[in-house]
Amino acid sequence: MAVPAAAEAEAPGPRPEETREVENGRDSIKKPRKRPDRIDGTTRKIGTGCGNLYVTINNDAHGPFELFAQIGKAGGCAASQTEAIGRLISLALRAGVDPNAISRQLKGVRCPSPAWNEGNKVFSCADGIAQALACHLGEWDSKLAAEDEQAIESLVNRIAGMCVECGSTLEFESGCAVCRNCGYSRC
């Protein structure tokens, strides 16, 4: 029995929900992270030439996890393409693709109906999604930096010098300097 030409052209590859990753010069299959039951995010409204674009980006502990995009008007080619872009971005994010690389790929994609949104030119729905993702990434980085700064400030406020008994770091507690290592205290 002869094999149809179309079947010969189909090379084995990753299934739709998998991506390939190179480890030590060898291909391996990497599956996207599973979605938790509850996840938090934000939604941005962006004016485009096709109508209002609503971009929702949800985060897990690693950063952006999924993206949903919808045009305010129901149906149509722009709405279906926008939904498809959101699904592909979500798959890429869950598989560990750098969100900045995703944003760079979509930024500047043009359609015949550009628009202005909050002082920025939005060239297409894809460009609007890229702008929303870039803005979200900036906010995510700022949030992490603020959390790191708070943790460092908390640690610095607790440090009270070095223990004269064992040389460990002293911490302030109830108005006294206390060594957690040997129990020494100075009030």
N, C-alpha and C. Protein backbone atom coordinates (compact mmCIF):
# COMPACT_ATOMS: atom_id res chain seq x y z
N MET A 1 0.82 -1.18 0.00
CA MET A 1 0.00 0.00 0.00
C MET A 1 0.88 1.25 0.00
N ALA A 2 0.58 2.23 -0.83
CA ALA A 2 1.37 3.46 -0.93
C ALA A 2 0.93 4.44 0.15
N VAL A 3 1.88 5.17 0.68
CA VAL A 3 1.59 6.19 1.68
C VAL A 3 1.30 7.50 0.96
N PRO A 4 0.15 8.18 1.27
CA PRO A 4 -0.16 9.45 0.61
C PRO A 4 0.95 10.47 0.83
N ALA A 5 1.15 11.34 -0.15
CA ALA A 5 2.20 12.36 -0.08
C ALA A 5 2.02 13.27 1.12
N ALA A 6 0.75 13.59 1.47
CA ALA A 6 0.50 14.47 2.61
C ALA A 6 0.99 13.83 3.90
N ALA A 7 0.84 12.51 4.03
CA ALA A 7 1.27 11.83 5.25
C ALA A 7 2.79 11.84 5.35
N GLU A 8 3.48 11.74 4.21
CA GLU A 8 4.94 11.77 4.22
C GLU A 8 5.45 13.12 4.67
N ALA A 9 4.73 14.20 4.32
CA ALA A 9 5.16 15.56 4.65
C ALA A 9 5.05 15.84 6.14
N GLU A 10 4.17 15.09 6.82
CA GLU A 10 3.97 15.34 8.24
C GLU A 10 5.10 14.70 9.04
N ALA A 11 6.01 15.50 9.50
CA ALA A 11 7.12 15.01 10.31
C ALA A 11 6.67 14.93 11.75
N PRO A 12 7.18 13.95 12.49
CA PRO A 12 6.81 13.91 13.91
C PRO A 12 7.33 15.16 14.59
N GLY A 13 6.54 15.70 15.46
CA GLY A 13 6.93 16.92 16.16
C GLY A 13 6.14 17.07 17.43
N PRO A 14 6.27 18.19 18.08
CA PRO A 14 5.55 18.38 19.33
C PRO A 14 4.05 18.42 19.08
N ARG A 15 3.32 17.87 20.03
CA ARG A 15 1.86 17.96 19.95
C ARG A 15 1.48 19.41 20.20
N PRO A 16 0.24 19.81 19.87
CA PRO A 16 -0.15 21.23 19.99
C PRO A 16 0.09 21.84 21.35
N GLU A 17 0.00 21.09 22.44
CA GLU A 17 0.15 21.67 23.77
C GLU A 17 1.57 21.49 24.33
N GLU A 18 2.56 21.18 23.47
CA GLU A 18 3.92 20.99 23.93
C GLU A 18 4.88 21.86 23.14
N THR A 19 6.02 22.12 23.71
CA THR A 19 7.06 22.88 23.00
C THR A 19 8.36 22.10 23.09
N ARG A 20 9.28 22.39 22.20
CA ARG A 20 10.59 21.73 22.22
C ARG A 20 11.58 22.66 22.93
N GLU A 21 12.45 22.04 23.68
CA GLU A 21 13.49 22.77 24.39
C GLU A 21 14.80 22.01 24.19
N VAL A 22 15.88 22.72 24.00
CA VAL A 22 17.17 22.06 23.82
C VAL A 22 17.88 22.01 25.17
N GLU A 23 18.22 20.80 25.61
CA GLU A 23 18.96 20.60 26.85
C GLU A 23 20.23 19.85 26.51
N ASN A 24 21.37 20.44 26.81
CA ASN A 24 22.66 19.79 26.54
C ASN A 24 22.77 19.31 25.10
N GLY A 25 22.29 20.12 24.16
CA GLY A 25 22.40 19.79 22.75
C GLY A 25 21.38 18.78 22.27
N ARG A 26 20.45 18.35 23.13
CA ARG A 26 19.45 17.37 22.73
C ARG A 26 18.06 17.97 22.87
N ASP A 27 17.16 17.58 21.95
CA ASP A 27 15.78 18.02 22.02
C ASP A 27 15.06 17.31 23.17
N SER A 28 14.20 18.01 23.84
CA SER A 28 13.31 17.40 24.82
C SER A 28 11.97 18.12 24.73
N ILE A 29 10.93 17.46 25.15
CA ILE A 29 9.59 18.05 25.12
C ILE A 29 9.32 18.70 26.47
N LYS A 30 8.85 19.94 26.44
CA LYS A 30 8.51 20.66 27.66
C LYS A 30 7.03 20.96 27.61
N LYS A 31 6.29 20.53 28.62
CA LYS A 31 4.85 20.77 28.65
C LYS A 31 4.55 22.07 29.39
N PRO A 32 3.53 22.79 28.95
CA PRO A 32 3.16 24.03 29.64
C PRO A 32 2.72 23.76 31.09
N ARG A 33 2.93 24.75 31.96
CA ARG A 33 2.49 24.63 33.34
C ARG A 33 0.97 24.47 33.38
N LYS A 34 0.50 23.69 34.35
CA LYS A 34 -0.95 23.53 34.53
C LYS A 34 -1.52 24.80 35.17
N ARG A 35 -2.76 25.09 34.82
CA ARG A 35 -3.42 26.28 35.36
C ARG A 35 -3.96 25.99 36.75
N PRO A 36 -3.63 26.86 37.73
CA PRO A 36 -4.21 26.68 39.07
C PRO A 36 -5.70 27.02 39.04
N ASP A 37 -6.42 26.59 40.10
CA ASP A 37 -7.86 26.86 40.17
C ASP A 37 -8.16 28.35 40.31
N ARG A 38 -7.27 29.09 40.99
CA ARG A 38 -7.48 30.53 41.19
C ARG A 38 -6.21 31.25 40.77
N ILE A 39 -6.41 32.35 40.05
CA ILE A 39 -5.27 33.13 39.57
C ILE A 39 -5.72 34.60 39.48
N ASP A 40 -4.83 35.52 39.79
CA ASP A 40 -5.17 36.94 39.80
C ASP A 40 -4.53 37.66 38.61
N GLY A 41 -5.16 38.75 38.20
CA GLY A 41 -4.62 39.52 37.10
C GLY A 41 -5.29 40.87 36.97
N THR A 42 -4.98 41.54 35.88
CA THR A 42 -5.56 42.86 35.61
C THR A 42 -6.05 42.92 34.17
N THR A 43 -7.01 43.79 33.94
CA THR A 43 -7.55 43.99 32.60
C THR A 43 -7.32 45.44 32.20
N ARG A 44 -6.84 45.63 30.97
CA ARG A 44 -6.62 46.97 30.42
C ARG A 44 -7.56 47.19 29.25
N LYS A 45 -8.07 48.38 29.14
CA LYS A 45 -8.88 48.78 27.99
C LYS A 45 -8.00 49.63 27.08
N ILE A 46 -7.88 49.22 25.83
CA ILE A 46 -7.03 49.93 24.87
C ILE A 46 -7.87 50.26 23.64
N GLY A 47 -7.88 51.52 23.25
CA GLY A 47 -8.60 51.93 22.04
C GLY A 47 -7.80 51.54 20.80
N THR A 48 -8.45 50.85 19.87
CA THR A 48 -7.81 50.48 18.61
C THR A 48 -8.71 50.93 17.47
N GLY A 49 -8.22 50.81 16.24
CA GLY A 49 -9.01 51.15 15.07
C GLY A 49 -10.19 50.21 14.86
N CYS A 50 -10.17 49.05 15.53
CA CYS A 50 -11.26 48.07 15.42
C CYS A 50 -12.27 48.21 16.55
N GLY A 51 -12.04 49.09 17.49
CA GLY A 51 -12.89 49.24 18.67
C GLY A 51 -12.07 49.08 19.92
N ASN A 52 -12.74 49.02 21.06
CA ASN A 52 -12.03 48.85 22.33
C ASN A 52 -11.52 47.43 22.46
N LEU A 53 -10.25 47.32 22.83
CA LEU A 53 -9.59 46.04 23.06
C LEU A 53 -9.43 45.88 24.56
N TYR A 54 -9.85 44.73 25.08
CA TYR A 54 -9.72 44.44 26.50
C TYR A 54 -8.70 43.31 26.64
N VAL A 55 -7.59 43.60 27.34
CA VAL A 55 -6.51 42.63 27.51
C VAL A 55 -6.40 42.31 29.00
N THR A 56 -6.62 41.04 29.33
CA THR A 56 -6.50 40.56 30.71
C THR A 56 -5.25 39.71 30.80
N ILE A 57 -4.38 40.04 31.76
CA ILE A 57 -3.15 39.29 31.97
C ILE A 57 -3.16 38.78 33.41
N ASN A 58 -3.06 37.46 33.54
CA ASN A 58 -3.05 36.82 34.85
C ASN A 58 -1.65 36.36 35.19
N ASN A 59 -1.30 36.44 36.47
CA ASN A 59 0.03 36.06 36.96
C ASN A 59 -0.04 34.86 37.88
N ASP A 60 1.02 34.05 37.87
CA ASP A 60 1.25 33.08 38.92
C ASP A 60 2.55 33.50 39.61
N ALA A 61 3.14 32.63 40.39
CA ALA A 61 4.34 32.98 41.14
C ALA A 61 5.53 33.31 40.24
N HIS A 62 5.52 32.85 38.99
CA HIS A 62 6.64 33.07 38.08
C HIS A 62 6.49 34.31 37.20
N GLY A 63 5.34 34.97 37.26
CA GLY A 63 5.10 36.12 36.40
C GLY A 63 3.87 35.92 35.54
N PRO A 64 3.79 36.59 34.40
CA PRO A 64 2.62 36.43 33.53
C PRO A 64 2.41 34.96 33.15
N PHE A 65 1.16 34.50 33.31
CA PHE A 65 0.82 33.09 33.08
C PHE A 65 -0.08 32.90 31.88
N GLU A 66 -1.02 33.82 31.70
CA GLU A 66 -1.95 33.71 30.58
C GLU A 66 -2.46 35.10 30.20
N LEU A 67 -2.95 35.20 28.95
CA LEU A 67 -3.44 36.48 28.44
C LEU A 67 -4.72 36.22 27.66
N PHE A 68 -5.74 37.00 27.96
CA PHE A 68 -7.00 36.94 27.22
C PHE A 68 -7.19 38.30 26.53
N ALA A 69 -7.58 38.28 25.29
CA ALA A 69 -7.80 39.53 24.56
C ALA A 69 -9.12 39.45 23.81
N GLN A 70 -9.93 40.51 23.93
CA GLN A 70 -11.22 40.58 23.25
C GLN A 70 -11.45 41.97 22.72
N ILE A 71 -12.01 42.03 21.53
CA ILE A 71 -12.45 43.30 20.96
C ILE A 71 -13.87 43.54 21.46
N GLY A 72 -14.18 44.79 21.79
CA GLY A 72 -15.49 45.12 22.32
C GLY A 72 -16.65 44.74 21.43
N LYS A 73 -16.45 44.76 20.12
CA LYS A 73 -17.52 44.39 19.20
C LYS A 73 -17.57 42.88 19.08
N ALA A 74 -18.79 42.33 18.93
CA ALA A 74 -18.94 40.87 18.85
C ALA A 74 -18.63 40.37 17.44
N GLY A 75 -17.97 39.20 17.39
CA GLY A 75 -17.75 38.51 16.11
C GLY A 75 -16.76 39.21 15.21
N GLY A 76 -16.64 38.70 13.99
CA GLY A 76 -15.79 39.30 12.98
C GLY A 76 -14.38 38.75 12.99
N CYS A 77 -13.68 39.08 11.94
CA CYS A 77 -12.31 38.59 11.75
C CYS A 77 -11.37 39.14 12.82
N ALA A 78 -11.47 40.42 13.13
CA ALA A 78 -10.58 41.02 14.14
C ALA A 78 -10.77 40.35 15.49
N ALA A 79 -12.03 40.06 15.86
CA ALA A 79 -12.30 39.42 17.14
C ALA A 79 -11.72 38.02 17.20
N SER A 80 -11.87 37.24 16.13
CA SER A 80 -11.35 35.87 16.14
C SER A 80 -9.82 35.87 16.13
N GLN A 81 -9.19 36.78 15.38
CA GLN A 81 -7.74 36.84 15.37
C GLN A 81 -7.19 37.29 16.73
N THR A 82 -7.87 38.21 17.36
CA THR A 82 -7.45 38.70 18.67
C THR A 82 -7.53 37.59 19.70
N GLU A 83 -8.62 36.81 19.66
CA GLU A 83 -8.75 35.68 20.57
C GLU A 83 -7.64 34.65 20.32
N ALA A 84 -7.35 34.39 19.05
CA ALA A 84 -6.29 33.43 18.70
C ALA A 84 -4.92 33.90 19.20
N ILE A 85 -4.63 35.20 19.05
CA ILE A 85 -3.36 35.73 19.54
C ILE A 85 -3.26 35.52 21.05
N GLY A 86 -4.35 35.79 21.77
CA GLY A 86 -4.37 35.59 23.22
C GLY A 86 -4.10 34.14 23.60
N ARG A 87 -4.72 33.21 22.88
CA ARG A 87 -4.51 31.79 23.18
C ARG A 87 -3.06 31.38 22.95
N LEU A 88 -2.48 31.84 21.84
CA LEU A 88 -1.09 31.49 21.55
C LEU A 88 -0.13 32.12 22.55
N ILE A 89 -0.39 33.35 22.97
CA ILE A 89 0.45 34.00 23.98
C ILE A 89 0.35 33.22 25.29
N SER A 90 -0.85 32.80 25.68
CA SER A 90 -1.02 32.03 26.92
C SER A 90 -0.23 30.74 26.87
N LEU A 91 -0.31 30.04 25.75
CA LEU A 91 0.45 28.80 25.60
C LEU A 91 1.95 29.07 25.72
N ALA A 92 2.41 30.13 25.08
CA ALA A 92 3.84 30.48 25.13
C ALA A 92 4.26 30.84 26.56
N LEU A 93 3.45 31.62 27.26
CA LEU A 93 3.79 32.01 28.63
C LEU A 93 3.85 30.78 29.53
N ARG A 94 2.87 29.90 29.41
CA ARG A 94 2.84 28.70 30.25
C ARG A 94 4.00 27.76 29.94
N ALA A 95 4.53 27.85 28.73
CA ALA A 95 5.66 27.00 28.33
C ALA A 95 7.00 27.64 28.66
N GLY A 96 6.98 28.83 29.24
CA GLY A 96 8.23 29.44 29.68
C GLY A 96 8.89 30.39 28.69
N VAL A 97 8.18 30.81 27.64
CA VAL A 97 8.74 31.76 26.69
C VAL A 97 8.83 33.13 27.36
N ASP A 98 9.92 33.84 27.14
CA ASP A 98 10.13 35.16 27.72
C ASP A 98 9.03 36.11 27.27
N PRO A 99 8.24 36.68 28.20
CA PRO A 99 7.16 37.58 27.81
C PRO A 99 7.64 38.84 27.08
N ASN A 100 8.87 39.27 27.37
CA ASN A 100 9.43 40.42 26.65
C ASN A 100 9.62 40.09 25.17
N ALA A 101 10.04 38.86 24.88
CA ALA A 101 10.21 38.43 23.48
C ALA A 101 8.87 38.39 22.77
N ILE A 102 7.82 37.97 23.46
CA ILE A 102 6.48 37.95 22.88
C ILE A 102 6.05 39.37 22.53
N SER A 103 6.24 40.29 23.48
CA SER A 103 5.86 41.69 23.26
C SER A 103 6.62 42.29 22.08
N ARG A 104 7.92 42.02 22.01
CA ARG A 104 8.73 42.56 20.90
C ARG A 104 8.24 42.02 19.54
N GLN A 105 7.82 40.76 19.49
CA GLN A 105 7.36 40.18 18.23
C GLN A 105 6.08 40.84 17.74
N LEU A 106 5.20 41.23 18.65
CA LEU A 106 3.91 41.80 18.26
C LEU A 106 3.95 43.32 18.09
N LYS A 107 4.89 43.97 18.77
CA LYS A 107 4.98 45.43 18.74
C LYS A 107 5.21 45.92 17.31
N GLY A 108 4.41 46.89 16.90
CA GLY A 108 4.59 47.51 15.59
C GLY A 108 3.85 46.84 14.45
N VAL A 109 3.17 45.70 14.70
CA VAL A 109 2.36 45.08 13.65
C VAL A 109 1.28 46.08 13.25
N ARG A 110 1.13 46.31 11.94
CA ARG A 110 0.23 47.37 11.47
C ARG A 110 -0.99 46.84 10.75
N CYS A 111 -2.07 47.57 10.88
CA CYS A 111 -3.29 47.31 10.10
C CYS A 111 -3.72 48.65 9.49
N PRO A 112 -4.73 48.64 8.63
CA PRO A 112 -5.13 49.90 7.96
C PRO A 112 -5.81 50.93 8.87
N SER A 113 -6.15 50.52 10.11
CA SER A 113 -6.89 51.43 10.99
C SER A 113 -6.16 51.69 12.30
N PRO A 114 -5.06 52.45 12.28
CA PRO A 114 -4.38 52.75 13.56
C PRO A 114 -5.23 53.70 14.40
N ALA A 115 -4.93 53.78 15.68
CA ALA A 115 -5.68 54.66 16.58
C ALA A 115 -4.72 55.20 17.64
N TRP A 116 -5.19 56.19 18.39
CA TRP A 116 -4.42 56.74 19.50
C TRP A 116 -5.06 56.30 20.80
N ASN A 117 -4.24 55.88 21.76
CA ASN A 117 -4.73 55.47 23.07
C ASN A 117 -3.81 56.04 24.13
N GLU A 118 -4.33 56.94 24.96
CA GLU A 118 -3.57 57.56 26.04
C GLU A 118 -2.22 58.09 25.57
N GLY A 119 -2.22 58.76 24.43
CA GLY A 119 -1.01 59.37 23.90
C GLY A 119 -0.10 58.45 23.12
N ASN A 120 -0.46 57.17 23.01
CA ASN A 120 0.35 56.21 22.26
C ASN A 120 -0.40 55.80 21.00
N LYS A 121 0.33 55.67 19.89
CA LYS A 121 -0.28 55.20 18.67
C LYS A 121 -0.38 53.68 18.73
N VAL A 122 -1.57 53.16 18.48
CA VAL A 122 -1.82 51.72 18.46
C VAL A 122 -2.02 51.35 17.00
N PHE A 123 -1.05 50.62 16.43
CA PHE A 123 -1.06 50.31 15.01
C PHE A 123 -2.03 49.21 14.62
N SER A 124 -2.35 48.31 15.58
CA SER A 124 -3.25 47.19 15.31
C SER A 124 -3.66 46.58 16.65
N CYS A 125 -4.55 45.59 16.58
CA CYS A 125 -4.92 44.88 17.80
C CYS A 125 -3.69 44.15 18.37
N ALA A 126 -2.89 43.55 17.50
CA ALA A 126 -1.67 42.86 17.95
C ALA A 126 -0.72 43.84 18.64
N ASP A 127 -0.57 45.03 18.08
CA ASP A 127 0.28 46.06 18.68
C ASP A 127 -0.30 46.49 20.04
N GLY A 128 -1.62 46.60 20.13
CA GLY A 128 -2.26 46.94 21.40
C GLY A 128 -2.00 45.90 22.47
N ILE A 129 -2.05 44.62 22.08
CA ILE A 129 -1.75 43.53 23.02
C ILE A 129 -0.29 43.63 23.46
N ALA A 130 0.62 43.90 22.52
CA ALA A 130 2.04 44.05 22.85
C ALA A 130 2.24 45.19 23.84
N GLN A 131 1.56 46.31 23.62
CA GLN A 131 1.69 47.45 24.54
C GLN A 131 1.16 47.09 25.92
N ALA A 132 0.03 46.38 25.99
CA ALA A 132 -0.54 45.98 27.28
C ALA A 132 0.41 45.04 28.02
N LEU A 133 1.00 44.10 27.29
CA LEU A 133 1.93 43.14 27.89
C LEU A 133 3.19 43.86 28.40
N ALA A 134 3.73 44.78 27.60
CA ALA A 134 4.93 45.53 28.01
C ALA A 134 4.64 46.36 29.26
N CYS A 135 3.49 47.01 29.30
CA CYS A 135 3.10 47.81 30.47
C CYS A 135 2.95 46.91 31.70
N HIS A 136 2.32 45.75 31.50
CA HIS A 136 2.13 44.81 32.59
C HIS A 136 3.48 44.32 33.13
N LEU A 137 4.41 44.03 32.23
CA LEU A 137 5.73 43.57 32.64
C LEU A 137 6.46 44.63 33.45
N GLY A 138 6.32 45.90 33.05
CA GLY A 138 6.92 46.99 33.81
C GLY A 138 6.35 47.08 35.21
N GLU A 139 5.03 46.90 35.33
CA GLU A 139 4.39 46.93 36.65
C GLU A 139 4.80 45.73 37.48
N TRP A 140 4.91 44.55 36.84
CA TRP A 140 5.32 43.34 37.55
C TRP A 140 6.73 43.51 38.11
N ASP A 141 7.65 44.03 37.28
CA ASP A 141 9.02 44.26 37.74
C ASP A 141 9.06 45.26 38.87
N SER A 142 8.25 46.33 38.79
CA SER A 142 8.20 47.34 39.85
C SER A 142 7.68 46.74 41.15
N LYS A 143 6.67 45.86 41.05
CA LYS A 143 6.10 45.22 42.23
C LYS A 143 7.15 44.34 42.90
N LEU A 144 7.88 43.54 42.11
CA LEU A 144 8.92 42.68 42.66
C LEU A 144 10.03 43.51 43.30
N ALA A 145 10.42 44.61 42.65
CA ALA A 145 11.46 45.48 43.20
C ALA A 145 11.01 46.07 44.53
N ALA A 146 9.74 46.50 44.62
CA ALA A 146 9.22 47.06 45.87
C ALA A 146 9.21 46.01 46.96
N GLU A 147 8.83 44.76 46.63
CA GLU A 147 8.84 43.69 47.62
C GLU A 147 10.26 43.40 48.09
N ASP A 148 11.22 43.38 47.18
CA ASP A 148 12.62 43.16 47.55
C ASP A 148 13.11 44.28 48.45
N GLU A 149 12.77 45.52 48.11
CA GLU A 149 13.19 46.68 48.91
C GLU A 149 12.61 46.60 50.32
N GLN A 150 11.33 46.19 50.44
CA GLN A 150 10.71 46.07 51.76
C GLN A 150 11.39 44.98 52.59
N ALA A 151 11.74 43.86 51.95
CA ALA A 151 12.41 42.77 52.67
C ALA A 151 13.78 43.21 53.16
N ILE A 152 14.52 43.94 52.33
CA ILE A 152 15.85 44.43 52.72
C ILE A 152 15.72 45.43 53.85
N GLU A 153 14.76 46.35 53.75
CA GLU A 153 14.56 47.36 54.79
C GLU A 153 14.19 46.69 56.12
N SER A 154 13.34 45.66 56.05
CA SER A 154 12.96 44.94 57.26
C SER A 154 14.17 44.28 57.91
N LEU A 155 15.03 43.67 57.11
CA LEU A 155 16.23 43.01 57.61
C LEU A 155 17.19 44.03 58.24
N VAL A 156 17.40 45.14 57.55
CA VAL A 156 18.30 46.19 58.06
C VAL A 156 17.78 46.74 59.37
N ASN A 157 16.46 46.93 59.50
CA ASN A 157 15.88 47.47 60.73
C ASN A 157 16.02 46.50 61.90
N ARG A 158 16.12 45.19 61.61
CA ARG A 158 16.26 44.20 62.68
C ARG A 158 17.70 44.03 63.12
N ILE A 159 18.68 44.36 62.31
CA ILE A 159 20.09 44.13 62.63
C ILE A 159 20.56 45.16 63.66
N ALA A 160 21.21 44.64 64.73
CA ALA A 160 21.65 45.52 65.81
C ALA A 160 23.13 45.39 66.09
N GLY A 161 23.90 44.97 65.11
CA GLY A 161 25.34 44.82 65.31
C GLY A 161 25.74 43.36 65.44
N MET A 162 26.96 43.16 65.99
CA MET A 162 27.51 41.81 66.11
C MET A 162 27.51 41.40 67.58
N CYS A 163 27.28 40.13 67.84
CA CYS A 163 27.28 39.56 69.20
C CYS A 163 28.70 39.54 69.74
N VAL A 164 28.90 40.04 70.99
CA VAL A 164 30.23 40.05 71.60
C VAL A 164 30.63 38.66 72.07
N GLU A 165 29.68 37.74 72.21
CA GLU A 165 29.94 36.38 72.68
C GLU A 165 30.36 35.45 71.55
N CYS A 166 29.56 35.46 70.43
CA CYS A 166 29.82 34.47 69.37
C CYS A 166 30.07 35.08 68.00
N GLY A 167 29.86 36.39 67.83
CA GLY A 167 30.11 37.06 66.56
C GLY A 167 28.96 37.01 65.57
N SER A 168 27.82 36.40 65.94
CA SER A 168 26.64 36.37 65.06
C SER A 168 25.97 37.74 65.02
N THR A 169 25.03 37.90 64.11
CA THR A 169 24.31 39.16 63.98
C THR A 169 23.28 39.30 65.10
N LEU A 170 23.26 40.47 65.74
CA LEU A 170 22.25 40.77 66.75
C LEU A 170 21.02 41.35 66.08
N GLU A 171 19.84 41.06 66.67
CA GLU A 171 18.59 41.61 66.17
C GLU A 171 17.89 42.37 67.29
N PHE A 172 17.14 43.43 66.90
CA PHE A 172 16.36 44.17 67.87
C PHE A 172 15.09 43.39 68.19
N GLU A 173 14.80 43.29 69.49
CA GLU A 173 13.56 42.65 69.92
C GLU A 173 13.13 43.26 71.24
N SER A 174 11.97 43.83 71.29
CA SER A 174 11.42 44.45 72.50
C SER A 174 12.39 45.44 73.13
N GLY A 175 13.07 46.22 72.30
CA GLY A 175 13.97 47.25 72.78
C GLY A 175 15.36 46.75 73.15
N CYS A 176 15.61 45.45 72.97
CA CYS A 176 16.92 44.88 73.30
C CYS A 176 17.58 44.33 72.05
N ALA A 177 18.90 44.20 72.10
CA ALA A 177 19.65 43.54 71.04
C ALA A 177 19.84 42.10 71.47
N VAL A 178 19.36 41.14 70.63
CA VAL A 178 19.35 39.73 71.00
C VAL A 178 20.12 38.92 69.96
N CYS A 179 20.91 37.94 70.45
CA CYS A 179 21.61 37.02 69.55
C CYS A 179 20.79 35.75 69.46
N ARG A 180 20.35 35.38 68.26
CA ARG A 180 19.56 34.16 68.03
C ARG A 180 20.45 32.91 68.13
N ASN A 181 21.75 33.09 68.00
CA ASN A 181 22.67 31.95 67.99
C ASN A 181 23.00 31.47 69.40
N CYS A 182 23.43 32.38 70.30
CA CYS A 182 23.88 31.95 71.63
C CYS A 182 22.99 32.44 72.77
N GLY A 183 22.03 33.32 72.47
CA GLY A 183 21.11 33.78 73.51
C GLY A 183 21.53 35.06 74.20
N TYR A 184 22.68 35.62 73.89
CA TYR A 184 23.16 36.87 74.49
C TYR A 184 22.13 37.97 74.24
N SER A 185 21.94 38.86 75.18
CA SER A 185 21.06 40.03 74.98
C SER A 185 21.66 41.24 75.67
N ARG A 186 21.38 42.40 75.11
CA ARG A 186 21.86 43.68 75.62
C ARG A 186 20.69 44.64 75.53
N CYS A 187 20.31 45.18 76.69
CA CYS A 187 19.17 46.12 76.71
C CYS A 187 19.61 47.53 76.98
